[in-house]
């Protein structure tokens, strides 16, 4: 009732933090949240104001050097630094009002970037490198991490105000080991889903049961699955190609 009356068009005001071990589908969760956001319908054009399939903007922060992160986030102006041969809008400018920016591995960003992200979370305000005017982001921000951010706050590696702005809405993904402890047969559904992605419906019917039987024959019941679903997907590939789990 709260959502339908008050929150449906206000969810961009709530940042979301997704926490969980590596390989547990944090980006899938972020994508699902982004695709479920409210987008108004324009009766004059007989269409929605934006195609929801174009509304998700992921950025892996751990894959970027610190010197590049600021430009990718906020953009830069031509000539603002060596190598800036043209204007670059940055992800927040590109995402727009109905976009969702997904910042993966938020625990990796330096404090100088945390300060600027905090400003966006508080007021939507940001400024391109070398720019002389303010811009405002009206979309949603989702961040994800496998790190213990509370511990990073205690150690002084993350600003406390930034952390609390991130975790007002928190989602926790579950490791594959815990899922299988609660429901051992879930391995069948997970393998079948992976096989559908790789080989389609027909191929999945033929191959998924063989993969499950192979896993049961070579792995102990209490296998930890340290790589979670990412490891399981690789296991499926190995079994299909080599008939072994590496």
C-alpha atoms as a PDB file:
ATOM      1  CA  UNK A   1       0.000   0.000   0.000  1.00  0.00           C
ATOM      2  CA  UNK A   2       2.843   2.426   0.822  1.00  0.00           C
ATOM      3  CA  UNK A   3       4.482   1.642  -2.500  1.00  0.00           C
ATOM      4  CA  UNK A   4       1.340   2.152  -4.583  1.00  0.00           C
ATOM      5  CA  UNK A   5       0.362   5.393  -2.818  1.00  0.00           C
ATOM      6  CA  UNK A   6       3.665   7.121  -2.130  1.00  0.00           C
ATOM      7  CA  UNK A   7       6.784   5.255  -3.209  1.00  0.00           C
ATOM      8  CA  UNK A   8       6.234   4.005  -6.767  1.00  0.00           C
ATOM      9  CA  UNK A   9       7.797   7.089  -8.393  1.00  0.00           C
ATOM     10  CA  UNK A  10      10.165   7.943  -5.538  1.00  0.00           C
ATOM     11  CA  UNK A  11      12.447   4.899  -5.462  1.00  0.00           C
ATOM     12  CA  UNK A  12      15.255   6.814  -7.171  1.00  0.00           C
ATOM     13  CA  UNK A  13      15.600   8.732  -3.899  1.00  0.00           C
ATOM     14  CA  UNK A  14      16.659   5.540  -2.124  1.00  0.00           C
ATOM     15  CA  UNK A  15      20.103   4.188  -2.886  1.00  0.00           C
ATOM     16  CA  UNK A  16      20.377   0.394  -2.724  1.00  0.00           C
ATOM     17  CA  UNK A  17      23.348  -1.587  -1.452  1.00  0.00           C
ATOM     18  CA  UNK A  18      23.680  -5.233  -2.488  1.00  0.00           C
ATOM     19  CA  UNK A  19      26.022  -7.293  -0.324  1.00  0.00           C
ATOM     20  CA  UNK A  20      27.129 -10.871  -0.731  1.00  0.00           C
ATOM     21  CA  UNK A  21      29.982 -13.204  -1.675  1.00  0.00           C
ATOM     22  CA  UNK A  22      31.477 -13.081  -5.164  1.00  0.00           C
ATOM     23  CA  UNK A  23      29.556 -15.115  -7.697  1.00  0.00           C
ATOM     24  CA  UNK A  24      26.146 -14.852  -6.016  1.00  0.00           C
ATOM     25  CA  UNK A  25      24.422 -12.803  -8.705  1.00  0.00           C
ATOM     26  CA  UNK A  26      24.608  -9.276  -7.306  1.00  0.00           C
ATOM     27  CA  UNK A  27      24.470  -7.766 -10.789  1.00  0.00           C
ATOM     28  CA  UNK A  28      21.416  -9.887 -11.644  1.00  0.00           C
ATOM     29  CA  UNK A  29      19.675  -8.505  -8.567  1.00  0.00           C
ATOM     30  CA  UNK A  30      20.659  -4.959  -9.536  1.00  0.00           C
ATOM     31  CA  UNK A  31      19.395  -5.459 -13.081  1.00  0.00           C
ATOM     32  CA  UNK A  32      16.062  -6.808 -11.801  1.00  0.00           C
ATOM     33  CA  UNK A  33      15.631  -3.765  -9.543  1.00  0.00           C
ATOM     34  CA  UNK A  34      16.500  -1.411 -12.401  1.00  0.00           C
ATOM     35  CA  UNK A  35      14.065  -3.064 -14.812  1.00  0.00           C
ATOM     36  CA  UNK A  36      11.232  -2.915 -12.278  1.00  0.00           C
ATOM     37  CA  UNK A  37      11.406   0.851 -11.751  1.00  0.00           C
ATOM     38  CA  UNK A  38       8.413   3.018 -12.523  1.00  0.00           C
ATOM     39  CA  UNK A  39       8.491   4.724 -15.927  1.00  0.00           C
ATOM     40  CA  UNK A  40       5.523   6.985 -16.795  1.00  0.00           C
ATOM     41  CA  UNK A  41       3.446   6.450 -19.918  1.00  0.00           C
ATOM     42  CA  UNK A  42       3.166   9.289 -22.434  1.00  0.00           C
ATOM     43  CA  UNK A  43      -0.397   9.213 -23.874  1.00  0.00           C
ATOM     44  CA  UNK A  44       0.462  11.706 -26.614  1.00  0.00           C
ATOM     45  CA  UNK A  45       3.094   9.385 -28.087  1.00  0.00           C
ATOM     46  CA  UNK A  46       1.330   6.203 -26.953  1.00  0.00           C
ATOM     47  CA  UNK A  47       4.513   4.861 -25.411  1.00  0.00           C
ATOM     48  CA  UNK A  48       6.505   4.931 -22.226  1.00  0.00           C
ATOM     49  CA  UNK A  49       8.902   7.829 -21.763  1.00  0.00           C
ATOM     50  CA  UNK A  50      11.855   5.440 -21.878  1.00  0.00           C
ATOM     51  CA  UNK A  51      12.493   1.840 -22.887  1.00  0.00           C
ATOM     52  CA  UNK A  52      13.196   0.025 -19.611  1.00  0.00           C
ATOM     53  CA  UNK A  53      15.581  -2.308 -21.446  1.00  0.00           C
ATOM     54  CA  UNK A  54      17.924   0.646 -21.982  1.00  0.00           C
ATOM     55  CA  UNK A  55      17.788   1.874 -18.372  1.00  0.00           C
ATOM     56  CA  UNK A  56      20.575  -0.165 -16.727  1.00  0.00           C
ATOM     57  CA  UNK A  57      24.087   1.321 -16.620  1.00  0.00           C
ATOM     58  CA  UNK A  58      26.639  -0.971 -14.919  1.00  0.00           C
ATOM     59  CA  UNK A  59      30.194   0.057 -14.051  1.00  0.00           C
ATOM     60  CA  UNK A  60      32.763  -2.226 -12.430  1.00  0.00           C
ATOM     61  CA  UNK A  61      34.850   0.070 -10.250  1.00  0.00           C
ATOM     62  CA  UNK A  62      37.480  -2.559  -9.423  1.00  0.00           C
ATOM     63  CA  UNK A  63      38.358  -2.802 -13.125  1.00  0.00           C
ATOM     64  CA  UNK A  64      39.273   0.899 -13.347  1.00  0.00           C
ATOM     65  CA  UNK A  65      42.391   2.745 -12.252  1.00  0.00           C
ATOM     66  CA  UNK A  66      41.741   5.481  -9.688  1.00  0.00           C
ATOM     67  CA  UNK A  67      42.731   8.095 -12.251  1.00  0.00           C
ATOM     68  CA  UNK A  68      39.995   6.880 -14.609  1.00  0.00           C
ATOM     69  CA  UNK A  69      37.115   6.343 -12.151  1.00  0.00           C
ATOM     70  CA  UNK A  70      36.226  10.025 -11.768  1.00  0.00           C
ATOM     71  CA  UNK A  71      36.033  10.562 -15.526  1.00  0.00           C
ATOM     72  CA  UNK A  72      33.880   7.464 -16.068  1.00  0.00           C
ATOM     73  CA  UNK A  73      31.503   8.509 -13.308  1.00  0.00           C
ATOM     74  CA  UNK A  74      31.196  12.264 -13.762  1.00  0.00           C
ATOM     75  CA  UNK A  75      32.638  12.913 -17.225  1.00  0.00           C
ATOM     76  CA  UNK A  76      35.265  15.405 -18.337  1.00  0.00           C
ATOM     77  CA  UNK A  77      35.658  18.356 -20.654  1.00  0.00           C
ATOM     78  CA  UNK A  78      37.988  18.466 -23.610  1.00  0.00           C
ATOM     79  CA  UNK A  79      41.457  19.640 -22.566  1.00  0.00           C
ATOM     80  CA  UNK A  80      40.828  19.180 -18.838  1.00  0.00           C
ATOM     81  CA  UNK A  81      43.801  16.810 -18.575  1.00  0.00           C
ATOM     82  CA  UNK A  82      46.426  15.231 -20.799  1.00  0.00           C
ATOM     83  CA  UNK A  83      44.691  12.896 -23.210  1.00  0.00           C
ATOM     84  CA  UNK A  84      41.239  14.505 -22.912  1.00  0.00           C
ATOM     85  CA  UNK A  85      40.792  14.984 -26.638  1.00  0.00           C
ATOM     86  CA  UNK A  86      37.016  15.382 -26.519  1.00  0.00           C
ATOM     87  CA  UNK A  87      34.154  15.870 -24.091  1.00  0.00           C
ATOM     88  CA  UNK A  88      33.098  12.720 -22.251  1.00  0.00           C
ATOM     89  CA  UNK A  89      29.653  12.756 -20.563  1.00  0.00           C
ATOM     90  CA  UNK A  90      30.224  10.081 -17.893  1.00  0.00           C
ATOM     91  CA  UNK A  91      27.783   7.444 -16.709  1.00  0.00           C
ATOM     92  CA  UNK A  92      25.554   9.715 -14.596  1.00  0.00           C
ATOM     93  CA  UNK A  93      24.972  12.059 -17.532  1.00  0.00           C
ATOM     94  CA  UNK A  94      24.213   9.153 -19.855  1.00  0.00           C
ATOM     95  CA  UNK A  95      21.818   7.400 -17.469  1.00  0.00           C
ATOM     96  CA  UNK A  96      19.278  10.202 -17.250  1.00  0.00           C
ATOM     97  CA  UNK A  97      16.141  10.510 -15.137  1.00  0.00           C
ATOM     98  CA  UNK A  98      14.837   6.963 -15.505  1.00  0.00           C
ATOM     99  CA  UNK A  99      18.213   5.247 -15.606  1.00  0.00           C
ATOM    100  CA  UNK A 100      19.799   3.155 -12.886  1.00  0.00           C
ATOM    101  CA  UNK A 101      23.564   3.340 -12.345  1.00  0.00           C
ATOM    102  CA  UNK A 102      25.032   0.152 -10.900  1.00  0.00           C
ATOM    103  CA  UNK A 103      28.393   0.642  -9.165  1.00  0.00           C
ATOM    104  CA  UNK A 104      29.945  -2.773  -8.660  1.00  0.00           C
ATOM    105  CA  UNK A 105      32.641  -3.228  -5.986  1.00  0.00           C
ATOM    106  CA  UNK A 106      31.875   0.063  -4.249  1.00  0.00           C
ATOM    107  CA  UNK A 107      34.306  -0.913  -1.483  1.00  0.00           C
ATOM    108  CA  UNK A 108      37.214  -0.287  -3.856  1.00  0.00           C
ATOM    109  CA  UNK A 109      36.746   3.454  -4.415  1.00  0.00           C
ATOM    110  CA  UNK A 110      39.117   5.964  -2.776  1.00  0.00           C
ATOM    111  CA  UNK A 111      37.847   8.558  -0.304  1.00  0.00           C
ATOM    112  CA  UNK A 112      38.132  11.368  -2.852  1.00  0.00           C
ATOM    113  CA  UNK A 113      35.535   9.611  -5.008  1.00  0.00           C
ATOM    114  CA  UNK A 114      33.402   8.682  -1.993  1.00  0.00           C
ATOM    115  CA  UNK A 115      32.984  12.388  -1.234  1.00  0.00           C
ATOM    116  CA  UNK A 116      31.706  13.109  -4.742  1.00  0.00           C
ATOM    117  CA  UNK A 117      29.412  10.100  -4.763  1.00  0.00           C
ATOM    118  CA  UNK A 118      28.054  11.193  -1.385  1.00  0.00           C
ATOM    119  CA  UNK A 119      27.090  14.531  -2.903  1.00  0.00           C
ATOM    120  CA  UNK A 120      25.138  12.777  -5.655  1.00  0.00           C
ATOM    121  CA  UNK A 121      23.381  10.568  -3.097  1.00  0.00           C
ATOM    122  CA  UNK A 122      22.450  13.612  -1.030  1.00  0.00           C
ATOM    123  CA  UNK A 123      21.467  16.129  -3.682  1.00  0.00           C
ATOM    124  CA  UNK A 124      22.028  14.598  -7.114  1.00  0.00           C
ATOM    125  CA  UNK A 125      24.695  17.204  -7.819  1.00  0.00           C
ATOM    126  CA  UNK A 126      27.937  16.483  -9.682  1.00  0.00           C
ATOM    127  CA  UNK A 127      30.436  18.271 -11.875  1.00  0.00           C
ATOM    128  CA  UNK A 128      32.506  17.023 -14.790  1.00  0.00           C
ATOM    129  CA  UNK A 129      36.296  17.263 -14.596  1.00  0.00           C
ATOM    130  CA  UNK A 130      37.215  20.629 -16.034  1.00  0.00           C
ATOM    131  CA  UNK A 131      33.576  21.716 -16.155  1.00  0.00           C
ATOM    132  CA  UNK A 132      32.363  25.071 -14.862  1.00  0.00           C
ATOM    133  CA  UNK A 133      28.698  24.209 -14.308  1.00  0.00           C
ATOM    134  CA  UNK A 134      26.802  21.803 -12.077  1.00  0.00           C
ATOM    135  CA  UNK A 135      24.780  18.872 -13.350  1.00  0.00           C
ATOM    136  CA  UNK A 136      22.114  16.890 -11.518  1.00  0.00           C
ATOM    137  CA  UNK A 137      21.378  13.183 -11.630  1.00  0.00           C
ATOM    138  CA  UNK A 138      17.745  12.201 -11.037  1.00  0.00           C
ATOM    139  CA  UNK A 139      18.018   8.441 -11.537  1.00  0.00           C
ATOM    140  CA  UNK A 140      18.671   5.610  -9.093  1.00  0.00           C
ATOM    141  CA  UNK A 141      22.009   4.398  -7.718  1.00  0.00           C
ATOM    142  CA  UNK A 142      22.663   0.768  -6.810  1.00  0.00           C
ATOM    143  CA  UNK A 143      26.006  -0.272  -5.343  1.00  0.00           C
ATOM    144  CA  UNK A 144      27.368  -3.746  -4.656  1.00  0.00           C
ATOM    145  CA  UNK A 145      30.254  -5.259  -2.744  1.00  0.00           C
ATOM    146  CA  UNK A 146      31.579  -8.535  -1.384  1.00  0.00           C
ATOM    147  CA  UNK A 147      33.523  -6.673   1.304  1.00  0.00           C
ATOM    148  CA  UNK A 148      32.548  -5.974   4.918  1.00  0.00           C
ATOM    149  CA  UNK A 149      31.856  -2.246   4.661  1.00  0.00           C
ATOM    150  CA  UNK A 150      31.221  -1.853   8.382  1.00  0.00           C
ATOM    151  CA  UNK A 151      34.734  -3.110   8.989  1.00  0.00           C
ATOM    152  CA  UNK A 152      36.093  -0.734   6.360  1.00  0.00           C
ATOM    153  CA  UNK A 153      34.383   2.138   8.172  1.00  0.00           C
ATOM    154  CA  UNK A 154      36.032   1.078  11.451  1.00  0.00           C
ATOM    155  CA  UNK A 155      39.413   0.886   9.713  1.00  0.00           C
ATOM    156  CA  UNK A 156      38.975   4.340   8.175  1.00  0.00           C
ATOM    157  CA  UNK A 157      38.875   3.079   4.586  1.00  0.00           C
ATOM    158  CA  UNK A 158      35.283   4.159   4.005  1.00  0.00           C
ATOM    159  CA  UNK A 159      33.543   7.321   5.136  1.00  0.00           C
ATOM    160  CA  UNK A 160      30.827   6.666   7.682  1.00  0.00           C
ATOM    161  CA  UNK A 161      28.398   9.166   6.133  1.00  0.00           C
ATOM    162  CA  UNK A 162      28.905   7.592   2.713  1.00  0.00           C
ATOM    163  CA  UNK A 163      28.266   4.100   4.085  1.00  0.00           C
ATOM    164  CA  UNK A 164      25.019   5.097   5.792  1.00  0.00           C
ATOM    165  CA  UNK A 165      23.791   6.817   2.633  1.00  0.00           C
ATOM    166  CA  UNK A 166      24.397   3.588   0.719  1.00  0.00           C
ATOM    167  CA  UNK A 167      22.797   1.099   3.079  1.00  0.00           C
ATOM    168  CA  UNK A 168      19.377   2.637   3.707  1.00  0.00           C
ATOM    169  CA  UNK A 169      17.990  -0.068   1.426  1.00  0.00           C
ATOM    170  CA  UNK A 170      20.126  -3.218   1.654  1.00  0.00           C
ATOM    171  CA  UNK A 171      19.811  -6.551  -0.157  1.00  0.00           C
ATOM    172  CA  UNK A 172      21.909  -9.577   0.792  1.00  0.00           C
ATOM    173  CA  UNK A 173      22.642 -12.326  -1.722  1.00  0.00           C
ATOM    174  CA  UNK A 174      23.117 -15.879  -0.458  1.00  0.00           C
ATOM    175  CA  UNK A 175      26.002 -18.223  -1.172  1.00  0.00           C
ATOM    176  CA  UNK A 176      25.311 -21.411  -3.135  1.00  0.00           C
ATOM    177  CA  UNK A 177      26.466 -23.574  -0.213  1.00  0.00           C
ATOM    178  CA  UNK A 178      23.790 -22.093   2.081  1.00  0.00           C
ATOM    179  CA  UNK A 179      21.101 -22.481  -0.557  1.00  0.00           C
ATOM    180  CA  UNK A 180      21.938 -26.163  -1.058  1.00  0.00           C
ATOM    181  CA  UNK A 181      22.076 -26.800   2.689  1.00  0.00           C
ATOM    182  CA  UNK A 182      18.516 -25.521   2.954  1.00  0.00           C
ATOM    183  CA  UNK A 183      17.306 -27.180  -0.255  1.00  0.00           C
ATOM    184  CA  UNK A 184      19.668 -29.804  -1.776  1.00  0.00           C
ATOM    185  CA  UNK A 185      17.496 -30.300  -4.860  1.00  0.00           C
ATOM    186  CA  UNK A 186      18.067 -26.666  -5.862  1.00  0.00           C
ATOM    187  CA  UNK A 187      21.210 -27.878  -7.656  1.00  0.00           C
ATOM    188  CA  UNK A 188      18.898 -29.420 -10.286  1.00  0.00           C
ATOM    189  CA  UNK A 189      17.119 -26.119 -10.938  1.00  0.00           C
ATOM    190  CA  UNK A 190      20.373 -24.146 -11.017  1.00  0.00           C
ATOM    191  CA  UNK A 191      22.094 -26.496 -13.461  1.00  0.00           C
ATOM    192  CA  UNK A 192      19.004 -26.561 -15.673  1.00  0.00           C
ATOM    193  CA  UNK A 193      18.897 -22.757 -15.727  1.00  0.00           C
ATOM    194  CA  UNK A 194      22.575 -22.560 -16.709  1.00  0.00           C
ATOM    195  CA  UNK A 195      22.079 -25.160 -19.445  1.00  0.00           C
ATOM    196  CA  UNK A 196      19.145 -23.183 -20.852  1.00  0.00           C
ATOM    197  CA  UNK A 197      21.363 -20.083 -21.061  1.00  0.00           C
ATOM    198  CA  UNK A 198      24.141 -22.033 -22.769  1.00  0.00           C
ATOM    199  CA  UNK A 199      22.274 -24.501 -24.973  1.00  0.00           C
ATOM    200  CA  UNK A 200      18.607 -23.504 -25.100  1.00  0.00           C
ATOM    201  CA  UNK A 201      15.553 -25.411 -23.909  1.00  0.00           C
ATOM    202  CA  UNK A 202      16.143 -28.514 -26.041  1.00  0.00           C
ATOM    203  CA  UNK A 203      19.794 -28.777 -25.111  1.00  0.00           C
ATOM    204  CA  UNK A 204      19.025 -28.262 -21.425  1.00  0.00           C
ATOM    205  CA  UNK A 205      16.603 -31.187 -21.371  1.00  0.00           C
ATOM    206  CA  UNK A 206      19.302 -33.438 -22.792  1.00  0.00           C
ATOM    207  CA  UNK A 207      22.319 -32.237 -20.834  1.00  0.00           C
ATOM    208  CA  UNK A 208      21.295 -30.927 -17.402  1.00  0.00           C
ATOM    209  CA  UNK A 209      20.561 -34.316 -15.812  1.00  0.00           C
ATOM    210  CA  UNK A 210      23.944 -35.635 -17.000  1.00  0.00           C
ATOM    211  CA  UNK A 211      25.697 -32.644 -15.450  1.00  0.00           C
ATOM    212  CA  UNK A 212      23.897 -33.130 -12.120  1.00  0.00           C
ATOM    213  CA  UNK A 213      24.794 -36.824 -11.995  1.00  0.00           C
ATOM    214  CA  UNK A 214      28.441 -36.012 -12.694  1.00  0.00           C
ATOM    215  CA  UNK A 215      28.539 -33.428  -9.925  1.00  0.00           C
ATOM    216  CA  UNK A 216      27.003 -35.877  -7.467  1.00  0.00           C
ATOM    217  CA  UNK A 217      29.587 -38.509  -8.364  1.00  0.00           C
ATOM    218  CA  UNK A 218      32.672 -36.318  -7.933  1.00  0.00           C
ATOM    219  CA  UNK A 219      31.758 -33.848  -5.171  1.00  0.00           C
ATOM    220  CA  UNK A 220      31.115 -34.460  -1.466  1.00  0.00           C
ATOM    221  CA  UNK A 221      27.692 -33.480  -0.133  1.00  0.00           C
ATOM    222  CA  UNK A 222      29.260 -30.697   1.948  1.00  0.00           C
ATOM    223  CA  UNK A 223      31.248 -29.127  -0.904  1.00  0.00           C
ATOM    224  CA  UNK A 224      31.755 -25.426  -0.093  1.00  0.00           C
ATOM    225  CA  UNK A 225      31.272 -23.944  -3.585  1.00  0.00           C
ATOM    226  CA  UNK A 226      33.701 -21.064  -2.879  1.00  0.00           C
ATOM    227  CA  UNK A 227      33.005 -19.515  -6.281  1.00  0.00           C
ATOM    228  CA  UNK A 228      29.230 -19.838  -5.845  1.00  0.00           C
ATOM    229  CA  UNK A 229      27.085 -19.661  -8.996  1.00  0.00           C
ATOM    230  CA  UNK A 230      29.985 -18.465 -11.119  1.00  0.00           C
ATOM    231  CA  UNK A 231      31.876 -21.623 -10.164  1.00  0.00           C
ATOM    232  CA  UNK A 232      28.823 -23.769 -10.864  1.00  0.00           C
ATOM    233  CA  UNK A 233      28.488 -22.282 -14.350  1.00  0.00           C
ATOM    234  CA  UNK A 234      32.126 -23.064 -15.069  1.00  0.00           C
ATOM    235  CA  UNK A 235      31.597 -26.595 -13.725  1.00  0.00           C
ATOM    236  CA  UNK A 236      28.730 -27.076 -16.186  1.00  0.00           C
ATOM    237  CA  UNK A 237      30.951 -25.964 -19.061  1.00  0.00           C
ATOM    238  CA  UNK A 238      33.790 -28.279 -17.986  1.00  0.00           C
ATOM    239  CA  UNK A 239      31.519 -31.293 -17.668  1.00  0.00           C
ATOM    240  CA  UNK A 240      29.876 -30.695 -21.048  1.00  0.00           C
ATOM    241  CA  UNK A 241      33.209 -30.208 -22.831  1.00  0.00           C
ATOM    242  CA  UNK A 242      35.570 -32.541 -20.929  1.00  0.00           C
ATOM    243  CA  UNK A 243      33.245 -34.736 -18.863  1.00  0.00           C
ATOM    244  CA  UNK A 244      35.090 -33.715 -15.732  1.00  0.00           C
ATOM    245  CA  UNK A 245      34.890 -31.081 -13.005  1.00  0.00           C
ATOM    246  CA  UNK A 246      38.082 -29.030 -12.784  1.00  0.00           C
END
